């Protein structure tokens, strides 16, 4: 399993947000169900696009083209979790976001719970076809 230097990892991301764990996220193994991680990453992506990029989803949409998650450690109800998000690639109509779920376990130890790579595609909301990433968003994505 890959190990991370959390201080170095945090330093490479300018966006983070807290993740609220809910009792309903916990499965029979007493940790967050694997499918819920997708929801945590989606929440962080949405906040990143809205707060950092100013993406206007009413005019230009985004859809997930591909997503990969590496589960590194289970998340338990008592853990404190935050998400990190940054853009790592800009194409014509698509871009990659790298994401991590990090935080403190119930023992107080800082850890990386999961990592994610997501390819998002800029789409016309009416025709649902890929469109070039609008320049104002492209400029902000290139600096995150």
Foldseek 3Di string as FASTA:
>chain_A
DDFDDVVVVVVVFPDKDWDQDDPVQADPVQFGDPVCVVVQVVVRVVCCCCVQLVDDCVFKNKDWPDKDKDFDATHHNQWTWMKTWAWDDFDFFKTKIKMWIWGAHPVRDTGTGMIMIIIMGIAGPPVRDGHGDDPSSVVRRVVD
